Amino acid sequence: MINSNFLSKGNEVKGNISIGNCHNTIVKGNGYNKDGTEIMHSDHPLAQANRNVIISMHPLDFEPELTLTDNAYISQSEQTFIPHVLPIVVGSKVHFLNEDEFFHNVQSYTSKSRFSIGRRAPGISYSETIKKKGVIELTCDIHSQMNAKILSFDTPYFCRVDENGSYLIKSLPDGKYRMEIYHPTCDKITEEVEIGGGEVLEINYHLSNKV
């Protein structure tokens, strides 16, 4: 494969991703947890369904240069993982921070990426290196309604939509790509595109619930 250092990098992909009724499928719990605390859910923007759409571009005809993701954090606040979906480059270290006033755990039963950080007191941070590519499912064994996902990519070209559903990925080298649009409760979109010569490609999609 061609090394990306030898390719023009002036291309962009942008657009808007709208969501149908997928936003109704991130469920807010109610009642009490087994530790006696009342079930909560944060209203933080990155805990909402419309901000957890991730767009990624995967080169098909060249090898991208990978740089590990800096400052990859997931906080636990009001019994909620924030953000609900965290995109990273595979091999990056993810930092977990308990910002509540009670104990939390972070665990993954994902094949080839199993871990548990144990029950951590308020204000305690713990880091885990994510070595597996793909979707890593996270839960808390104390608060069963808590869940999140890490998207571990073998590409540096990805982004999150903004509050209006818009996205922009810059500095794409010339070439062919598999474009993926991910949302935890909507159908995943996959499309092959080719871009080059300083092109600005606009691609818009409407996501719907998984069947």
N, C-alpha and C. Protein backbone atom coordinates (compact mmCIF):
# COMPACT_ATOMS: atom_id res chain seq x y z
N MET A 1 0.83 -1.20 0.00
CA MET A 1 0.00 0.00 0.00
C MET A 1 0.87 1.26 0.00
N ILE A 2 0.31 2.35 -0.51
CA ILE A 2 1.00 3.63 -0.55
C ILE A 2 1.07 4.22 0.85
N ASN A 3 2.17 4.86 1.18
CA ASN A 3 2.29 5.58 2.45
C ASN A 3 1.60 6.93 2.31
N SER A 4 0.79 7.31 3.31
CA SER A 4 0.00 8.55 3.22
C SER A 4 0.86 9.80 3.18
N ASN A 5 2.14 9.71 3.57
CA ASN A 5 3.02 10.88 3.54
C ASN A 5 3.29 11.37 2.12
N PHE A 6 3.06 10.50 1.12
CA PHE A 6 3.35 10.86 -0.27
C PHE A 6 2.10 11.34 -1.01
N LEU A 7 1.00 11.51 -0.32
CA LEU A 7 -0.26 11.87 -0.96
C LEU A 7 -0.65 13.30 -0.59
N SER A 8 -1.37 13.96 -1.52
CA SER A 8 -1.93 15.27 -1.23
C SER A 8 -2.96 15.15 -0.11
N LYS A 9 -2.98 16.12 0.83
CA LYS A 9 -3.83 16.00 2.00
C LYS A 9 -4.80 17.17 2.14
N GLY A 10 -5.21 17.75 1.02
CA GLY A 10 -6.06 18.93 1.09
C GLY A 10 -7.53 18.67 0.92
N ASN A 11 -7.97 17.44 1.14
CA ASN A 11 -9.38 17.10 0.91
C ASN A 11 -10.18 17.15 2.21
N GLU A 12 -11.51 17.35 2.04
CA GLU A 12 -12.40 17.41 3.19
C GLU A 12 -13.69 16.65 2.90
N VAL A 13 -14.27 16.10 3.96
CA VAL A 13 -15.61 15.52 3.89
C VAL A 13 -16.44 16.21 4.95
N LYS A 14 -17.62 16.67 4.57
CA LYS A 14 -18.49 17.35 5.52
C LYS A 14 -19.93 17.00 5.22
N GLY A 15 -20.82 17.41 6.13
CA GLY A 15 -22.23 17.16 5.90
C GLY A 15 -23.02 17.29 7.18
N ASN A 16 -24.22 16.71 7.14
CA ASN A 16 -25.12 16.76 8.29
C ASN A 16 -25.76 15.40 8.48
N ILE A 17 -25.81 14.96 9.72
CA ILE A 17 -26.44 13.68 10.06
C ILE A 17 -27.66 13.96 10.92
N SER A 18 -28.83 13.60 10.42
CA SER A 18 -30.05 13.76 11.21
C SER A 18 -30.47 12.40 11.77
N ILE A 19 -31.20 12.44 12.86
CA ILE A 19 -31.60 11.23 13.57
C ILE A 19 -33.11 11.18 13.64
N GLY A 20 -33.68 10.00 13.33
CA GLY A 20 -35.12 9.81 13.43
C GLY A 20 -35.53 9.65 14.88
N ASN A 21 -36.06 8.48 15.23
CA ASN A 21 -36.48 8.25 16.62
C ASN A 21 -35.42 7.51 17.42
N CYS A 22 -34.18 7.48 16.91
CA CYS A 22 -33.10 6.82 17.66
C CYS A 22 -32.87 7.47 19.01
N HIS A 23 -33.11 8.80 19.10
CA HIS A 23 -32.83 9.50 20.35
C HIS A 23 -33.70 9.01 21.50
N ASN A 24 -34.80 8.30 21.19
CA ASN A 24 -35.66 7.79 22.24
C ASN A 24 -35.15 6.49 22.86
N THR A 25 -34.09 5.91 22.30
CA THR A 25 -33.68 4.57 22.71
C THR A 25 -32.51 4.57 23.70
N ILE A 26 -31.99 5.74 24.10
CA ILE A 26 -31.08 5.79 25.22
C ILE A 26 -31.96 5.96 26.46
N VAL A 27 -32.11 4.87 27.22
CA VAL A 27 -33.11 4.80 28.28
C VAL A 27 -32.56 5.40 29.57
N LYS A 28 -33.38 6.22 30.20
CA LYS A 28 -33.05 6.75 31.52
C LYS A 28 -33.71 5.85 32.57
N GLY A 29 -32.91 5.34 33.49
CA GLY A 29 -33.44 4.45 34.52
C GLY A 29 -34.23 5.21 35.56
N ASN A 30 -34.93 4.47 36.42
CA ASN A 30 -35.63 5.07 37.55
C ASN A 30 -35.65 4.09 38.70
N GLY A 31 -35.93 4.58 39.90
CA GLY A 31 -35.93 3.72 41.08
C GLY A 31 -34.61 3.86 41.84
N TYR A 32 -34.10 2.73 42.37
CA TYR A 32 -32.91 2.75 43.20
C TYR A 32 -31.92 1.67 42.76
N ASN A 33 -30.63 1.96 42.96
CA ASN A 33 -29.57 1.01 42.68
C ASN A 33 -29.39 0.06 43.86
N LYS A 34 -28.59 -0.98 43.64
CA LYS A 34 -28.37 -1.95 44.71
C LYS A 34 -27.51 -1.38 45.84
N ASP A 35 -26.85 -0.22 45.60
CA ASP A 35 -26.11 0.41 46.70
C ASP A 35 -26.97 1.41 47.47
N GLY A 36 -28.27 1.48 47.12
CA GLY A 36 -29.20 2.34 47.84
C GLY A 36 -29.35 3.74 47.25
N THR A 37 -28.51 4.12 46.28
CA THR A 37 -28.62 5.44 45.68
C THR A 37 -29.77 5.49 44.67
N GLU A 38 -30.37 6.66 44.55
CA GLU A 38 -31.44 6.83 43.57
C GLU A 38 -30.85 6.87 42.17
N ILE A 39 -31.51 6.22 41.23
CA ILE A 39 -31.03 6.20 39.85
C ILE A 39 -31.13 7.61 39.25
N MET A 40 -30.04 8.04 38.59
CA MET A 40 -29.98 9.36 37.96
C MET A 40 -29.60 9.22 36.50
N HIS A 41 -29.67 10.33 35.78
CA HIS A 41 -29.14 10.40 34.42
C HIS A 41 -28.74 11.84 34.14
N SER A 42 -27.52 12.02 33.65
CA SER A 42 -27.02 13.37 33.39
C SER A 42 -27.67 13.98 32.15
N ASP A 43 -27.85 15.30 32.19
CA ASP A 43 -28.33 16.04 31.03
C ASP A 43 -27.19 16.66 30.24
N HIS A 44 -25.96 16.24 30.52
CA HIS A 44 -24.80 16.74 29.78
C HIS A 44 -25.00 16.48 28.29
N PRO A 45 -24.64 17.43 27.40
CA PRO A 45 -24.84 17.23 25.95
C PRO A 45 -24.24 15.93 25.41
N LEU A 46 -23.07 15.52 25.92
CA LEU A 46 -22.44 14.31 25.40
C LEU A 46 -23.03 13.03 25.97
N ALA A 47 -24.07 13.17 26.80
CA ALA A 47 -24.85 12.01 27.25
C ALA A 47 -26.13 11.86 26.44
N GLN A 48 -26.34 12.77 25.48
CA GLN A 48 -27.55 12.74 24.67
C GLN A 48 -27.30 12.03 23.34
N ALA A 49 -28.34 11.42 22.82
CA ALA A 49 -28.20 10.58 21.63
C ALA A 49 -27.72 11.36 20.41
N ASN A 50 -28.17 12.61 20.26
CA ASN A 50 -27.85 13.34 19.03
C ASN A 50 -26.39 13.76 18.94
N ARG A 51 -25.63 13.69 20.07
CA ARG A 51 -24.21 14.07 20.04
C ARG A 51 -23.30 12.85 19.98
N ASN A 52 -23.87 11.65 19.92
CA ASN A 52 -23.06 10.44 19.93
C ASN A 52 -23.09 9.73 18.58
N VAL A 53 -23.05 10.55 17.54
CA VAL A 53 -22.87 10.06 16.17
C VAL A 53 -21.41 10.30 15.79
N ILE A 54 -20.74 9.23 15.35
CA ILE A 54 -19.31 9.30 15.02
C ILE A 54 -19.13 8.95 13.55
N ILE A 55 -18.41 9.81 12.82
CA ILE A 55 -18.11 9.58 11.40
C ILE A 55 -16.63 9.23 11.28
N SER A 56 -16.32 8.18 10.54
CA SER A 56 -14.92 7.77 10.36
C SER A 56 -14.66 7.45 8.90
N MET A 57 -13.43 7.74 8.46
CA MET A 57 -12.99 7.49 7.09
C MET A 57 -11.82 6.50 7.13
N HIS A 58 -11.99 5.34 6.47
CA HIS A 58 -11.02 4.25 6.52
C HIS A 58 -10.37 4.07 5.15
N PRO A 59 -9.10 4.43 5.00
CA PRO A 59 -8.43 4.33 3.70
C PRO A 59 -8.41 2.90 3.17
N LEU A 60 -8.66 2.77 1.86
CA LEU A 60 -8.67 1.46 1.22
C LEU A 60 -7.46 1.22 0.34
N ASP A 61 -6.74 2.29 -0.05
CA ASP A 61 -5.62 2.10 -0.97
C ASP A 61 -4.32 2.72 -0.47
N PHE A 62 -4.27 3.09 0.81
CA PHE A 62 -3.01 3.52 1.41
C PHE A 62 -3.04 3.25 2.91
N GLU A 63 -1.88 3.23 3.51
CA GLU A 63 -1.74 2.95 4.94
C GLU A 63 -1.67 4.28 5.70
N PRO A 64 -2.64 4.59 6.56
CA PRO A 64 -2.61 5.86 7.27
C PRO A 64 -1.58 5.86 8.39
N GLU A 65 -1.03 7.02 8.67
CA GLU A 65 -0.12 7.16 9.81
C GLU A 65 -0.95 7.39 11.06
N LEU A 66 -0.78 6.52 12.05
CA LEU A 66 -1.60 6.58 13.25
C LEU A 66 -0.87 7.30 14.38
N THR A 67 -1.57 8.21 15.02
CA THR A 67 -1.08 8.88 16.23
C THR A 67 -2.07 8.61 17.33
N LEU A 68 -1.59 8.17 18.48
CA LEU A 68 -2.48 7.83 19.58
C LEU A 68 -3.29 9.05 20.02
N THR A 69 -4.52 8.80 20.44
CA THR A 69 -5.43 9.87 20.84
C THR A 69 -5.01 10.44 22.20
N ASP A 70 -4.83 11.76 22.25
CA ASP A 70 -4.50 12.44 23.51
C ASP A 70 -5.78 12.78 24.28
N ASN A 71 -5.65 12.83 25.58
CA ASN A 71 -6.74 13.30 26.44
C ASN A 71 -8.06 12.58 26.17
N ALA A 72 -8.00 11.25 26.10
CA ALA A 72 -9.19 10.43 25.91
C ALA A 72 -9.79 10.13 27.28
N TYR A 73 -10.85 10.84 27.64
CA TYR A 73 -11.45 10.74 28.97
C TYR A 73 -12.90 10.29 28.88
N ILE A 74 -13.30 9.46 29.82
CA ILE A 74 -14.70 9.16 30.08
C ILE A 74 -14.93 9.43 31.56
N SER A 75 -15.86 10.34 31.86
CA SER A 75 -16.18 10.61 33.25
C SER A 75 -17.46 9.87 33.64
N GLN A 76 -17.62 9.65 34.93
CA GLN A 76 -18.85 9.08 35.47
C GLN A 76 -19.48 10.14 36.36
N SER A 77 -20.58 10.71 35.87
CA SER A 77 -21.22 11.82 36.55
C SER A 77 -22.73 11.62 36.54
N GLU A 78 -23.37 11.76 37.70
CA GLU A 78 -24.81 11.50 37.84
C GLU A 78 -25.16 10.13 37.28
N GLN A 79 -24.32 9.14 37.59
CA GLN A 79 -24.53 7.75 37.17
C GLN A 79 -24.64 7.64 35.64
N THR A 80 -23.82 8.42 34.95
CA THR A 80 -23.82 8.44 33.49
C THR A 80 -22.38 8.47 33.00
N PHE A 81 -22.08 7.66 31.98
CA PHE A 81 -20.79 7.77 31.30
C PHE A 81 -20.84 8.95 30.34
N ILE A 82 -19.86 9.83 30.42
CA ILE A 82 -19.80 11.00 29.55
C ILE A 82 -18.42 11.06 28.90
N PRO A 83 -18.35 10.95 27.55
CA PRO A 83 -19.45 10.79 26.61
C PRO A 83 -19.99 9.36 26.58
N HIS A 84 -21.13 9.21 25.95
CA HIS A 84 -21.73 7.89 25.81
C HIS A 84 -20.95 7.04 24.80
N VAL A 85 -20.38 7.69 23.79
CA VAL A 85 -19.52 7.02 22.80
C VAL A 85 -18.22 7.82 22.70
N LEU A 86 -17.08 7.14 22.87
CA LEU A 86 -15.78 7.78 22.79
C LEU A 86 -14.98 7.18 21.64
N PRO A 87 -14.64 7.96 20.59
CA PRO A 87 -13.80 7.45 19.51
C PRO A 87 -12.32 7.68 19.81
N ILE A 88 -11.49 6.67 19.53
CA ILE A 88 -10.05 6.77 19.75
C ILE A 88 -9.32 6.02 18.64
N VAL A 89 -8.01 6.25 18.55
CA VAL A 89 -7.14 5.42 17.73
C VAL A 89 -6.74 4.20 18.56
N VAL A 90 -6.80 3.02 17.96
CA VAL A 90 -6.46 1.79 18.68
C VAL A 90 -5.07 1.90 19.30
N GLY A 91 -4.94 1.39 20.52
CA GLY A 91 -3.68 1.49 21.25
C GLY A 91 -3.61 2.68 22.19
N SER A 92 -4.61 3.56 22.14
CA SER A 92 -4.62 4.75 23.00
C SER A 92 -5.03 4.40 24.42
N LYS A 93 -4.65 5.27 25.35
CA LYS A 93 -4.99 5.10 26.75
C LYS A 93 -6.24 5.92 27.06
N VAL A 94 -7.23 5.28 27.67
CA VAL A 94 -8.47 5.96 28.06
C VAL A 94 -8.46 6.14 29.57
N HIS A 95 -8.77 7.37 30.01
CA HIS A 95 -8.78 7.70 31.43
C HIS A 95 -10.23 7.75 31.91
N PHE A 96 -10.51 7.05 33.01
CA PHE A 96 -11.85 7.01 33.60
C PHE A 96 -11.81 7.78 34.91
N LEU A 97 -12.74 8.71 35.08
CA LEU A 97 -12.77 9.56 36.27
C LEU A 97 -14.14 9.50 36.93
N ASN A 98 -14.16 9.15 38.21
CA ASN A 98 -15.40 9.14 38.99
C ASN A 98 -15.65 10.53 39.56
N GLU A 99 -16.66 11.22 39.01
CA GLU A 99 -17.01 12.58 39.46
C GLU A 99 -18.25 12.60 40.35
N ASP A 100 -18.76 11.41 40.70
CA ASP A 100 -19.90 11.35 41.61
C ASP A 100 -19.42 11.30 43.06
N GLU A 101 -20.37 11.29 43.99
CA GLU A 101 -20.04 11.28 45.41
C GLU A 101 -20.15 9.89 46.00
N PHE A 102 -20.11 8.88 45.15
CA PHE A 102 -20.20 7.49 45.59
C PHE A 102 -19.35 6.62 44.68
N PHE A 103 -19.19 5.37 45.03
CA PHE A 103 -18.32 4.47 44.29
C PHE A 103 -18.88 4.13 42.91
N HIS A 104 -17.96 3.91 41.96
CA HIS A 104 -18.29 3.42 40.63
C HIS A 104 -17.28 2.34 40.23
N ASN A 105 -17.67 1.59 39.20
CA ASN A 105 -16.78 0.62 38.57
C ASN A 105 -16.87 0.86 37.06
N VAL A 106 -15.83 0.47 36.34
CA VAL A 106 -15.89 0.40 34.87
C VAL A 106 -15.41 -0.98 34.48
N GLN A 107 -16.20 -1.66 33.67
CA GLN A 107 -15.81 -3.00 33.25
C GLN A 107 -16.22 -3.23 31.80
N SER A 108 -15.50 -4.13 31.15
CA SER A 108 -15.81 -4.53 29.78
C SER A 108 -15.75 -6.05 29.69
N TYR A 109 -16.78 -6.62 29.09
CA TYR A 109 -16.80 -8.05 28.81
C TYR A 109 -16.61 -8.31 27.31
N THR A 110 -16.19 -7.29 26.58
CA THR A 110 -15.96 -7.43 25.15
C THR A 110 -14.82 -8.41 24.89
N SER A 111 -15.03 -9.33 23.99
CA SER A 111 -14.01 -10.34 23.68
C SER A 111 -12.69 -9.68 23.29
N LYS A 112 -11.59 -10.16 23.86
CA LYS A 112 -10.24 -9.68 23.63
C LYS A 112 -10.00 -8.26 24.17
N SER A 113 -10.97 -7.74 24.91
CA SER A 113 -10.78 -6.44 25.58
C SER A 113 -11.50 -6.45 26.92
N ARG A 114 -11.35 -7.53 27.66
CA ARG A 114 -11.99 -7.65 28.97
C ARG A 114 -11.14 -6.97 30.03
N PHE A 115 -11.79 -6.16 30.85
CA PHE A 115 -11.09 -5.56 31.98
C PHE A 115 -12.11 -5.08 33.00
N SER A 116 -11.66 -4.88 34.21
CA SER A 116 -12.45 -4.26 35.27
C SER A 116 -11.49 -3.43 36.12
N ILE A 117 -11.82 -2.16 36.33
CA ILE A 117 -10.94 -1.30 37.10
C ILE A 117 -11.21 -1.40 38.60
N GLY A 118 -12.22 -2.22 38.98
CA GLY A 118 -12.57 -2.33 40.39
C GLY A 118 -13.43 -1.16 40.83
N ARG A 119 -13.90 -1.21 42.03
CA ARG A 119 -14.75 -0.15 42.56
C ARG A 119 -13.89 1.02 43.03
N ARG A 120 -14.15 2.18 42.44
CA ARG A 120 -13.30 3.35 42.66
C ARG A 120 -14.06 4.44 43.42
N ALA A 121 -13.40 5.02 44.40
CA ALA A 121 -14.00 6.06 45.23
C ALA A 121 -14.15 7.37 44.44
N PRO A 122 -14.95 8.31 44.92
CA PRO A 122 -15.10 9.61 44.26
C PRO A 122 -13.75 10.30 44.06
N GLY A 123 -13.60 10.93 42.89
CA GLY A 123 -12.40 11.68 42.57
C GLY A 123 -11.23 10.85 42.09
N ILE A 124 -11.40 9.54 42.01
CA ILE A 124 -10.31 8.66 41.60
C ILE A 124 -10.33 8.45 40.09
N SER A 125 -9.15 8.56 39.47
CA SER A 125 -9.00 8.34 38.04
C SER A 125 -8.20 7.06 37.80
N TYR A 126 -8.55 6.36 36.74
CA TYR A 126 -7.86 5.12 36.38
C TYR A 126 -7.75 5.06 34.87
N SER A 127 -6.64 4.51 34.37
CA SER A 127 -6.41 4.47 32.92
C SER A 127 -6.33 3.02 32.42
N GLU A 128 -6.79 2.82 31.20
CA GLU A 128 -6.75 1.50 30.55
C GLU A 128 -6.36 1.70 29.10
N THR A 129 -5.36 0.93 28.63
CA THR A 129 -4.96 0.98 27.23
C THR A 129 -5.86 0.06 26.42
N ILE A 130 -6.45 0.59 25.35
CA ILE A 130 -7.37 -0.18 24.52
C ILE A 130 -6.60 -0.74 23.33
N LYS A 131 -6.38 -2.05 23.35
CA LYS A 131 -5.55 -2.70 22.34
C LYS A 131 -6.36 -3.34 21.22
N LYS A 132 -7.66 -3.46 21.39
CA LYS A 132 -8.51 -4.11 20.41
C LYS A 132 -9.18 -3.08 19.51
N LYS A 133 -9.27 -3.37 18.24
CA LYS A 133 -10.00 -2.52 17.29
C LYS A 133 -11.48 -2.90 17.32
N GLY A 134 -12.35 -1.90 17.19
CA GLY A 134 -13.78 -2.17 17.14
C GLY A 134 -14.53 -1.50 18.26
N VAL A 135 -15.70 -2.04 18.59
CA VAL A 135 -16.57 -1.48 19.62
C VAL A 135 -16.28 -2.17 20.95
N ILE A 136 -15.98 -1.39 21.97
CA ILE A 136 -15.74 -1.89 23.32
C ILE A 136 -16.92 -1.46 24.18
N GLU A 137 -17.64 -2.42 24.75
CA GLU A 137 -18.82 -2.14 25.56
C GLU A 137 -18.41 -1.94 27.02
N LEU A 138 -18.91 -0.86 27.63
CA LEU A 138 -18.60 -0.55 29.02
C LEU A 138 -19.86 -0.57 29.88
N THR A 139 -19.71 -1.06 31.11
CA THR A 139 -20.79 -1.03 32.09
C THR A 139 -20.22 -0.72 33.46
N CYS A 140 -21.12 -0.49 34.43
CA CYS A 140 -20.76 -0.33 35.83
C CYS A 140 -21.51 -1.40 36.61
N ASP A 141 -20.80 -2.22 37.39
CA ASP A 141 -21.47 -3.34 38.06
C ASP A 141 -22.30 -2.90 39.27
N ILE A 142 -22.18 -1.62 39.66
CA ILE A 142 -22.97 -1.11 40.78
C ILE A 142 -24.28 -0.51 40.28
N HIS A 143 -24.19 0.20 39.15
CA HIS A 143 -25.35 0.93 38.61
C HIS A 143 -25.66 0.33 37.23
N SER A 144 -26.61 -0.58 37.19
CA SER A 144 -26.83 -1.42 36.01
C SER A 144 -27.31 -0.65 34.79
N GLN A 145 -27.89 0.55 35.00
CA GLN A 145 -28.37 1.31 33.85
C GLN A 145 -27.25 2.03 33.10
N MET A 146 -26.05 2.06 33.71
CA MET A 146 -24.93 2.78 33.09
C MET A 146 -24.27 1.94 32.00
N ASN A 147 -24.10 2.53 30.85
CA ASN A 147 -23.38 1.86 29.76
C ASN A 147 -22.80 2.89 28.82
N ALA A 148 -21.74 2.50 28.13
CA ALA A 148 -21.08 3.38 27.16
C ALA A 148 -20.31 2.51 26.18
N LYS A 149 -19.74 3.16 25.16
CA LYS A 149 -18.99 2.43 24.15
C LYS A 149 -17.73 3.21 23.79
N ILE A 150 -16.65 2.48 23.57
CA ILE A 150 -15.44 3.03 22.99
C ILE A 150 -15.36 2.53 21.56
N LEU A 151 -15.16 3.44 20.60
CA LEU A 151 -14.91 3.05 19.21
C LEU A 151 -13.42 3.13 18.98
N SER A 152 -12.79 1.99 18.79
CA SER A 152 -11.34 1.92 18.64
C SER A 152 -11.02 1.73 17.16
N PHE A 153 -10.42 2.76 16.54
CA PHE A 153 -10.23 2.81 15.09
C PHE A 153 -8.78 2.56 14.69
N ASP A 154 -8.60 2.00 13.49
CA ASP A 154 -7.27 1.90 12.86
C ASP A 154 -7.11 2.98 11.81
N THR A 155 -7.74 4.13 12.06
CA THR A 155 -7.63 5.30 11.19
C THR A 155 -7.62 6.55 12.07
N PRO A 156 -6.89 7.59 11.65
CA PRO A 156 -6.91 8.84 12.42
C PRO A 156 -8.01 9.81 11.97
N TYR A 157 -8.77 9.40 10.95
CA TYR A 157 -9.73 10.31 10.32
C TYR A 157 -11.14 10.03 10.86
N PHE A 158 -11.51 10.73 11.92
CA PHE A 158 -12.85 10.56 12.49
C PHE A 158 -13.23 11.81 13.26
N CYS A 159 -14.53 11.96 13.52
CA CYS A 159 -15.01 13.11 14.30
C CYS A 159 -16.39 12.81 14.86
N ARG A 160 -16.82 13.67 15.74
CA ARG A 160 -18.16 13.62 16.34
C ARG A 160 -19.00 14.74 15.73
N VAL A 161 -20.30 14.52 15.57
CA VAL A 161 -21.16 15.60 15.09
C VAL A 161 -21.28 16.68 16.15
N ASP A 162 -21.56 17.91 15.72
CA ASP A 162 -21.79 18.99 16.67
C ASP A 162 -23.25 19.02 17.08
N GLU A 163 -23.63 20.05 17.82
CA GLU A 163 -25.00 20.12 18.35
C GLU A 163 -26.06 20.24 17.26
N ASN A 164 -25.65 20.62 16.05
CA ASN A 164 -26.59 20.74 14.93
C ASN A 164 -26.57 19.53 14.00
N GLY A 165 -25.77 18.52 14.35
CA GLY A 165 -25.65 17.34 13.51
C GLY A 165 -24.64 17.47 12.40
N SER A 166 -23.89 18.58 12.37
CA SER A 166 -22.91 18.81 11.31
C SER A 166 -21.57 18.16 11.67
N TYR A 167 -20.81 17.80 10.64
CA TYR A 167 -19.49 17.22 10.86
C TYR A 167 -18.53 17.72 9.79
N LEU A 168 -17.23 17.63 10.07
CA LEU A 168 -16.19 18.02 9.12
C LEU A 168 -14.92 17.24 9.44
N ILE A 169 -14.40 16.54 8.45
CA ILE A 169 -13.12 15.85 8.58
C ILE A 169 -12.18 16.46 7.56
N LYS A 170 -11.07 17.05 8.03
CA LYS A 170 -10.13 17.76 7.17
C LYS A 170 -8.87 16.92 6.92
N SER A 171 -8.06 17.44 6.02
CA SER A 171 -6.70 16.91 5.76
C SER A 171 -6.72 15.45 5.35
N LEU A 172 -7.68 15.08 4.51
CA LEU A 172 -7.75 13.71 4.01
C LEU A 172 -6.85 13.55 2.79
N PRO A 173 -5.93 12.60 2.80
CA PRO A 173 -5.11 12.35 1.60
C PRO A 173 -5.97 11.84 0.44
N ASP A 174 -5.51 12.07 -0.79
CA ASP A 174 -6.19 11.54 -1.97
C ASP A 174 -6.34 10.03 -1.84
N GLY A 175 -7.49 9.52 -2.25
CA GLY A 175 -7.64 8.07 -2.24
C GLY A 175 -9.07 7.60 -2.08
N LYS A 176 -9.20 6.28 -1.96
CA LYS A 176 -10.50 5.64 -1.75
C LYS A 176 -10.67 5.34 -0.27
N TYR A 177 -11.91 5.49 0.22
CA TYR A 177 -12.19 5.30 1.63
C TYR A 177 -13.49 4.50 1.82
N ARG A 178 -13.54 3.81 2.95
CA ARG A 178 -14.81 3.28 3.45
C ARG A 178 -15.28 4.26 4.52
N MET A 179 -16.37 4.91 4.26
CA MET A 179 -16.93 5.87 5.21
C MET A 179 -17.93 5.14 6.11
N GLU A 180 -17.80 5.33 7.42
CA GLU A 180 -18.71 4.70 8.36
C GLU A 180 -19.36 5.77 9.24
N ILE A 181 -20.66 5.63 9.45
CA ILE A 181 -21.40 6.51 10.35
C ILE A 181 -22.00 5.64 11.44
N TYR A 182 -21.58 5.90 12.68
CA TYR A 182 -21.97 5.04 13.81
C TYR A 182 -22.79 5.80 14.82
N HIS A 183 -23.85 5.14 15.28
CA HIS A 183 -24.65 5.60 16.41
C HIS A 183 -25.04 4.34 17.18
N PRO A 184 -25.02 4.37 18.52
CA PRO A 184 -25.21 3.13 19.27
C PRO A 184 -26.56 2.44 19.08
N THR A 185 -27.59 3.18 18.69
CA THR A 185 -28.91 2.56 18.57
C THR A 185 -29.52 2.70 17.18
N CYS A 186 -28.76 3.20 16.22
CA CYS A 186 -29.24 3.34 14.85
C CYS A 186 -28.49 2.38 13.93
N ASP A 187 -29.04 2.14 12.75
CA ASP A 187 -28.35 1.34 11.76
C ASP A 187 -27.04 2.00 11.37
N LYS A 188 -25.97 1.21 11.29
CA LYS A 188 -24.67 1.72 10.87
C LYS A 188 -24.67 1.94 9.36
N ILE A 189 -24.16 3.07 8.92
CA ILE A 189 -24.07 3.41 7.51
C ILE A 189 -22.64 3.17 7.03
N THR A 190 -22.49 2.47 5.92
CA THR A 190 -21.19 2.24 5.31
C THR A 190 -21.27 2.58 3.83
N GLU A 191 -20.31 3.36 3.34
CA GLU A 191 -20.30 3.75 1.94
C GLU A 191 -18.86 3.93 1.49
N GLU A 192 -18.55 3.49 0.27
CA GLU A 192 -17.23 3.71 -0.30
C GLU A 192 -17.23 5.00 -1.11
N VAL A 193 -16.19 5.83 -0.87
CA VAL A 193 -16.07 7.11 -1.57
C VAL A 193 -14.63 7.28 -2.04
N GLU A 194 -14.45 8.11 -3.04
CA GLU A 194 -13.12 8.46 -3.53
C GLU A 194 -13.01 9.98 -3.55
N ILE A 195 -11.86 10.49 -3.13
CA ILE A 195 -11.70 11.93 -3.00
C ILE A 195 -10.27 12.31 -3.40
N GLY A 196 -10.12 13.48 -4.02
CA GLY A 196 -8.79 13.89 -4.43
C GLY A 196 -8.78 15.28 -5.03
N GLY A 197 -7.57 15.83 -5.19
CA GLY A 197 -7.40 17.11 -5.84
C GLY A 197 -7.94 18.29 -5.07
N GLY A 198 -7.91 18.23 -3.73
CA GLY A 198 -8.42 19.33 -2.93
C GLY A 198 -9.92 19.39 -2.88
N GLU A 199 -10.57 18.27 -3.06
CA GLU A 199 -12.03 18.21 -3.13
C GLU A 199 -12.66 18.40 -1.75
N VAL A 200 -13.84 19.02 -1.75
CA VAL A 200 -14.68 19.09 -0.56
C VAL A 200 -15.95 18.31 -0.87
N LEU A 201 -16.08 17.13 -0.26
CA LEU A 201 -17.19 16.23 -0.53
C LEU A 201 -18.25 16.40 0.54
N GLU A 202 -19.48 16.63 0.13
CA GLU A 202 -20.58 16.79 1.09
C GLU A 202 -21.47 15.56 1.06
N ILE A 203 -21.64 14.94 2.23
CA ILE A 203 -22.46 13.73 2.34
C ILE A 203 -23.37 13.89 3.55
N ASN A 204 -24.68 13.81 3.31
CA ASN A 204 -25.68 13.93 4.35
C ASN A 204 -26.43 12.60 4.51
N TYR A 205 -26.83 12.30 5.75
CA TYR A 205 -27.57 11.06 5.99
C TYR A 205 -28.64 11.28 7.05
N HIS A 206 -29.68 10.44 6.96
CA HIS A 206 -30.69 10.37 8.00
C HIS A 206 -30.64 8.98 8.61
N LEU A 207 -30.42 8.90 9.92
CA LEU A 207 -30.30 7.61 10.59
C LEU A 207 -31.65 7.16 11.13
N SER A 208 -31.84 5.83 11.14
CA SER A 208 -33.08 5.26 11.68
C SER A 208 -32.74 4.15 12.65
N ASN A 209 -33.74 3.74 13.41
CA ASN A 209 -33.54 2.71 14.42
C ASN A 209 -33.07 1.40 13.84
N LYS A 210 -32.25 0.67 14.60
CA LYS A 210 -31.90 -0.69 14.22
C LYS A 210 -33.15 -1.55 14.23
N VAL A 211 -33.24 -2.43 13.25
CA VAL A 211 -34.39 -3.33 13.17
C VAL A 211 -34.15 -4.54 14.05
